[in-house]
Amino acid sequence: MMDKEKLEQSVISILKTCYDPEIPVDIWELGLIYQIKIDDEGNTYIKMTLTSPNCPVAESLPKEVKEKVKSLKGVNDVYLDLVFEPAWSMDKMSEEAKLELGFL
């Protein structure tokens, strides 16, 4: 039996290596990841958004996220759901991200 909690932590760790090019903070701390679900087979569902629908990395960032998560041991397949509802706002950023960007 795989440890889904441990796998989810690995997914979060790898998400922290993906950055929005316009903001020097990773997508996890920015709050761009809305949900992560992992089933017993290691299929991983990620619901994410972008800082704006016409973000310059609208095509490359989701692809990068999918490839990086799929490279993890224990992950079988990755289903990436790119949504713009609810829209991203600065409220979704972690305290760490706000501090880094000088909002605190």
N, C-alpha and C. Protein backbone atom coordinates (compact mmCIF):
# COMPACT_ATOMS: atom_id res chain seq x y z
N MET A 1 0.85 -1.20 0.00
CA MET A 1 0.00 0.00 0.00
C MET A 1 0.88 1.25 0.00
N MET A 2 0.64 2.11 -0.94
CA MET A 2 1.46 3.32 -1.00
C MET A 2 1.00 4.35 0.03
N ASP A 3 1.94 5.15 0.41
CA ASP A 3 1.66 6.19 1.40
C ASP A 3 1.26 7.46 0.65
N LYS A 4 -0.05 7.69 0.54
CA LYS A 4 -0.54 8.83 -0.24
C LYS A 4 -0.13 10.17 0.37
N GLU A 5 -0.07 10.20 1.71
CA GLU A 5 0.31 11.45 2.38
C GLU A 5 1.76 11.81 2.04
N LYS A 6 2.62 10.79 2.05
CA LYS A 6 4.03 11.00 1.73
C LYS A 6 4.18 11.42 0.26
N LEU A 7 3.40 10.77 -0.60
CA LEU A 7 3.45 11.10 -2.02
C LEU A 7 2.96 12.53 -2.25
N GLU A 8 1.92 12.91 -1.52
CA GLU A 8 1.42 14.29 -1.66
C GLU A 8 2.48 15.29 -1.23
N GLN A 9 3.24 14.98 -0.18
CA GLN A 9 4.33 15.86 0.25
C GLN A 9 5.40 15.97 -0.84
N SER A 10 5.67 14.86 -1.53
CA SER A 10 6.64 14.88 -2.64
C SER A 10 6.12 15.74 -3.77
N VAL A 11 4.81 15.63 -4.05
CA VAL A 11 4.19 16.44 -5.10
C VAL A 11 4.33 17.92 -4.75
N ILE A 12 4.03 18.27 -3.49
CA ILE A 12 4.14 19.66 -3.05
C ILE A 12 5.59 20.14 -3.18
N SER A 13 6.53 19.30 -2.77
CA SER A 13 7.96 19.66 -2.86
C SER A 13 8.35 19.98 -4.30
N ILE A 14 7.88 19.14 -5.23
CA ILE A 14 8.26 19.37 -6.63
C ILE A 14 7.52 20.58 -7.21
N LEU A 15 6.30 20.84 -6.72
CA LEU A 15 5.57 22.03 -7.17
C LEU A 15 6.32 23.30 -6.76
N LYS A 16 7.06 23.20 -5.65
CA LYS A 16 7.82 24.35 -5.16
C LYS A 16 9.05 24.64 -6.02
N THR A 17 9.27 23.80 -7.06
CA THR A 17 10.39 24.07 -7.98
C THR A 17 9.87 24.71 -9.26
N CYS A 18 8.55 24.96 -9.32
CA CYS A 18 7.94 25.61 -10.49
C CYS A 18 7.65 27.06 -10.13
N TYR A 19 8.07 27.95 -10.99
CA TYR A 19 7.92 29.38 -10.70
C TYR A 19 7.10 30.11 -11.75
N ASP A 20 6.37 31.10 -11.31
CA ASP A 20 5.72 32.02 -12.22
C ASP A 20 6.83 32.97 -12.66
N PRO A 21 7.05 33.17 -13.97
CA PRO A 21 8.18 33.99 -14.41
C PRO A 21 8.08 35.46 -14.01
N GLU A 22 6.87 35.93 -13.75
CA GLU A 22 6.70 37.34 -13.44
C GLU A 22 6.86 37.64 -11.96
N ILE A 23 6.77 36.60 -11.13
CA ILE A 23 6.85 36.79 -9.68
C ILE A 23 7.87 35.78 -9.16
N PRO A 24 8.90 36.21 -8.45
CA PRO A 24 9.97 35.29 -8.03
C PRO A 24 9.58 34.40 -6.86
N VAL A 25 8.40 33.80 -6.93
CA VAL A 25 7.91 32.94 -5.86
C VAL A 25 7.35 31.69 -6.52
N ASP A 26 7.52 30.54 -5.87
CA ASP A 26 7.04 29.31 -6.49
C ASP A 26 5.51 29.24 -6.50
N ILE A 27 4.98 28.40 -7.39
CA ILE A 27 3.52 28.35 -7.60
C ILE A 27 2.76 27.84 -6.38
N TRP A 28 3.41 27.04 -5.51
CA TRP A 28 2.74 26.56 -4.30
C TRP A 28 2.53 27.73 -3.33
N GLU A 29 3.61 28.50 -3.07
CA GLU A 29 3.52 29.63 -2.15
C GLU A 29 2.62 30.73 -2.71
N LEU A 30 2.55 30.83 -4.04
CA LEU A 30 1.68 31.83 -4.66
C LEU A 30 0.21 31.46 -4.50
N GLY A 31 -0.06 30.20 -4.20
CA GLY A 31 -1.45 29.77 -4.05
C GLY A 31 -2.10 29.42 -5.38
N LEU A 32 -1.28 29.06 -6.37
CA LEU A 32 -1.84 28.70 -7.68
C LEU A 32 -2.37 27.26 -7.71
N ILE A 33 -2.00 26.47 -6.71
CA ILE A 33 -2.48 25.09 -6.66
C ILE A 33 -3.70 25.06 -5.74
N TYR A 34 -4.84 24.72 -6.31
CA TYR A 34 -6.09 24.71 -5.53
C TYR A 34 -6.36 23.35 -4.88
N GLN A 35 -5.91 22.28 -5.53
CA GLN A 35 -6.24 20.96 -4.99
C GLN A 35 -5.29 19.91 -5.54
N ILE A 36 -4.97 18.92 -4.70
CA ILE A 36 -4.18 17.76 -5.12
C ILE A 36 -4.94 16.55 -4.62
N LYS A 37 -5.23 15.61 -5.51
CA LYS A 37 -5.88 14.36 -5.10
C LYS A 37 -5.10 13.22 -5.71
N ILE A 38 -4.81 12.21 -4.90
CA ILE A 38 -4.05 11.05 -5.37
C ILE A 38 -4.88 9.81 -5.08
N ASP A 39 -5.09 8.96 -6.10
CA ASP A 39 -5.85 7.74 -5.85
C ASP A 39 -4.89 6.59 -5.50
N ASP A 40 -5.46 5.41 -5.23
CA ASP A 40 -4.66 4.27 -4.79
C ASP A 40 -3.67 3.78 -5.84
N GLU A 41 -3.90 4.14 -7.10
CA GLU A 41 -2.98 3.73 -8.18
C GLU A 41 -1.85 4.73 -8.39
N GLY A 42 -1.90 5.85 -7.66
CA GLY A 42 -0.87 6.86 -7.84
C GLY A 42 -1.24 7.87 -8.92
N ASN A 43 -2.49 7.77 -9.43
CA ASN A 43 -2.96 8.78 -10.38
C ASN A 43 -3.18 10.06 -9.60
N THR A 44 -2.63 11.13 -10.09
CA THR A 44 -2.62 12.39 -9.36
C THR A 44 -3.41 13.46 -10.11
N TYR A 45 -4.36 14.05 -9.41
CA TYR A 45 -5.19 15.11 -9.98
C TYR A 45 -4.74 16.42 -9.34
N ILE A 46 -4.41 17.39 -10.19
CA ILE A 46 -3.99 18.69 -9.69
C ILE A 46 -4.89 19.76 -10.30
N LYS A 47 -5.51 20.52 -9.43
CA LYS A 47 -6.34 21.64 -9.88
C LYS A 47 -5.52 22.90 -9.63
N MET A 48 -5.24 23.63 -10.70
CA MET A 48 -4.41 24.82 -10.54
C MET A 48 -4.94 25.96 -11.39
N THR A 49 -4.44 27.13 -11.11
CA THR A 49 -4.78 28.30 -11.89
C THR A 49 -3.50 29.02 -12.25
N LEU A 50 -3.62 30.14 -12.93
CA LEU A 50 -2.48 30.99 -13.26
C LEU A 50 -2.79 32.37 -12.68
N THR A 51 -1.77 33.20 -12.57
CA THR A 51 -2.01 34.53 -12.00
C THR A 51 -2.97 35.33 -12.88
N SER A 52 -2.98 35.03 -14.20
CA SER A 52 -3.98 35.64 -15.08
C SER A 52 -4.18 34.72 -16.28
N PRO A 53 -5.37 34.75 -16.91
CA PRO A 53 -5.62 33.87 -18.06
C PRO A 53 -4.67 34.12 -19.23
N ASN A 54 -4.17 35.34 -19.37
CA ASN A 54 -3.22 35.58 -20.46
C ASN A 54 -1.78 35.63 -19.96
N CYS A 55 -1.52 34.85 -18.93
CA CYS A 55 -0.18 34.70 -18.38
C CYS A 55 0.76 34.21 -19.49
N PRO A 56 1.99 34.75 -19.59
CA PRO A 56 2.90 34.33 -20.66
C PRO A 56 3.25 32.84 -20.64
N VAL A 57 3.06 32.19 -19.50
CA VAL A 57 3.39 30.76 -19.42
C VAL A 57 2.14 29.89 -19.37
N ALA A 58 1.03 30.41 -19.88
CA ALA A 58 -0.23 29.68 -19.83
C ALA A 58 -0.11 28.28 -20.43
N GLU A 59 0.78 28.11 -21.41
CA GLU A 59 0.95 26.79 -21.99
C GLU A 59 2.09 26.02 -21.36
N SER A 60 3.21 26.71 -21.12
CA SER A 60 4.39 25.98 -20.64
C SER A 60 4.34 25.61 -19.16
N LEU A 61 3.75 26.46 -18.31
CA LEU A 61 3.74 26.16 -16.88
C LEU A 61 2.93 24.90 -16.53
N PRO A 62 1.69 24.76 -17.02
CA PRO A 62 0.96 23.52 -16.72
C PRO A 62 1.71 22.28 -17.22
N LYS A 63 2.36 22.41 -18.38
CA LYS A 63 3.13 21.30 -18.96
C LYS A 63 4.31 20.96 -18.03
N GLU A 64 4.99 21.98 -17.54
CA GLU A 64 6.12 21.78 -16.62
C GLU A 64 5.65 21.09 -15.34
N VAL A 65 4.52 21.58 -14.79
CA VAL A 65 3.96 20.99 -13.57
C VAL A 65 3.66 19.51 -13.80
N LYS A 66 3.00 19.22 -14.90
CA LYS A 66 2.61 17.85 -15.22
C LYS A 66 3.84 16.94 -15.36
N GLU A 67 4.84 17.41 -16.10
CA GLU A 67 6.05 16.61 -16.32
C GLU A 67 6.81 16.37 -15.03
N LYS A 68 6.96 17.41 -14.21
CA LYS A 68 7.71 17.27 -12.96
C LYS A 68 7.00 16.30 -12.00
N VAL A 69 5.67 16.46 -11.87
CA VAL A 69 4.92 15.59 -10.95
C VAL A 69 4.96 14.15 -11.46
N LYS A 70 4.84 13.98 -12.78
CA LYS A 70 4.84 12.63 -13.36
C LYS A 70 6.18 11.94 -13.17
N SER A 71 7.25 12.71 -13.01
CA SER A 71 8.58 12.11 -12.83
C SER A 71 8.78 11.53 -11.43
N LEU A 72 7.87 11.83 -10.52
CA LEU A 72 8.01 11.34 -9.14
C LEU A 72 7.75 9.85 -9.05
N LYS A 73 8.55 9.18 -8.23
CA LYS A 73 8.35 7.75 -7.97
C LYS A 73 7.02 7.60 -7.24
N GLY A 74 6.19 6.70 -7.75
CA GLY A 74 4.90 6.47 -7.12
C GLY A 74 3.75 7.15 -7.85
N VAL A 75 4.07 8.14 -8.69
CA VAL A 75 3.02 8.80 -9.46
C VAL A 75 2.82 8.03 -10.75
N ASN A 76 1.60 7.63 -11.01
CA ASN A 76 1.29 6.88 -12.21
C ASN A 76 0.98 7.83 -13.36
N ASP A 77 -0.11 8.56 -13.25
CA ASP A 77 -0.46 9.51 -14.28
C ASP A 77 -0.87 10.82 -13.62
N VAL A 78 -0.82 11.90 -14.38
CA VAL A 78 -1.15 13.21 -13.84
C VAL A 78 -2.28 13.82 -14.66
N TYR A 79 -3.33 14.21 -13.99
CA TYR A 79 -4.45 14.91 -14.62
C TYR A 79 -4.40 16.34 -14.13
N LEU A 80 -4.15 17.24 -15.03
CA LEU A 80 -4.02 18.64 -14.65
C LEU A 80 -5.27 19.39 -15.09
N ASP A 81 -5.93 20.00 -14.14
CA ASP A 81 -7.14 20.76 -14.41
C ASP A 81 -6.81 22.23 -14.24
N LEU A 82 -6.72 22.95 -15.35
CA LEU A 82 -6.39 24.37 -15.31
C LEU A 82 -7.70 25.16 -15.26
N VAL A 83 -7.90 25.87 -14.17
CA VAL A 83 -9.16 26.59 -13.98
C VAL A 83 -8.91 28.09 -13.76
N PHE A 84 -9.91 28.89 -14.06
CA PHE A 84 -9.80 30.32 -13.79
C PHE A 84 -10.94 30.79 -12.88
N GLU A 85 -11.66 29.82 -12.33
CA GLU A 85 -12.69 30.08 -11.33
C GLU A 85 -12.38 29.21 -10.14
N PRO A 86 -12.23 29.66 -8.95
CA PRO A 86 -12.20 31.09 -8.63
C PRO A 86 -10.91 31.73 -9.14
N ALA A 87 -10.98 32.97 -9.52
CA ALA A 87 -9.82 33.68 -10.04
C ALA A 87 -8.77 33.81 -8.94
N TRP A 88 -7.50 33.74 -9.34
CA TRP A 88 -6.41 33.90 -8.38
C TRP A 88 -6.36 35.36 -7.92
N SER A 89 -6.05 35.54 -6.65
CA SER A 89 -5.81 36.89 -6.14
C SER A 89 -4.66 36.80 -5.14
N MET A 90 -4.13 37.93 -4.77
CA MET A 90 -3.00 37.95 -3.84
C MET A 90 -3.36 37.35 -2.48
N ASP A 91 -4.65 37.29 -2.17
CA ASP A 91 -5.09 36.70 -0.90
C ASP A 91 -4.71 35.22 -0.80
N LYS A 92 -4.52 34.58 -1.95
CA LYS A 92 -4.21 33.15 -1.97
C LYS A 92 -2.74 32.86 -1.67
N MET A 93 -1.92 33.90 -1.66
CA MET A 93 -0.49 33.70 -1.40
C MET A 93 -0.24 33.35 0.06
N SER A 94 0.79 32.55 0.28
CA SER A 94 1.18 32.22 1.65
C SER A 94 1.81 33.44 2.30
N GLU A 95 1.90 33.41 3.63
CA GLU A 95 2.56 34.51 4.35
C GLU A 95 3.99 34.67 3.83
N GLU A 96 4.63 33.52 3.58
CA GLU A 96 6.02 33.50 3.10
C GLU A 96 6.14 34.27 1.78
N ALA A 97 5.20 34.01 0.86
CA ALA A 97 5.23 34.69 -0.44
C ALA A 97 5.00 36.19 -0.27
N LYS A 98 4.04 36.54 0.59
CA LYS A 98 3.75 37.96 0.81
C LYS A 98 4.95 38.68 1.41
N LEU A 99 5.63 38.00 2.32
CA LEU A 99 6.81 38.55 2.95
C LEU A 99 7.91 38.76 1.91
N GLU A 100 8.14 37.71 1.09
CA GLU A 100 9.14 37.75 0.04
C GLU A 100 8.91 38.91 -0.93
N LEU A 101 7.64 39.17 -1.23
CA LEU A 101 7.30 40.23 -2.20
C LEU A 101 7.10 41.59 -1.55
N GLY A 102 7.28 41.63 -0.23
CA GLY A 102 7.18 42.91 0.47
C GLY A 102 5.76 43.37 0.74
N PHE A 103 4.80 42.44 0.81
CA PHE A 103 3.42 42.82 1.10
C PHE A 103 3.11 42.78 2.58
N LEU A 104 4.06 42.32 3.40
CA LEU A 104 3.81 42.25 4.85
C LEU A 104 4.72 43.20 5.59
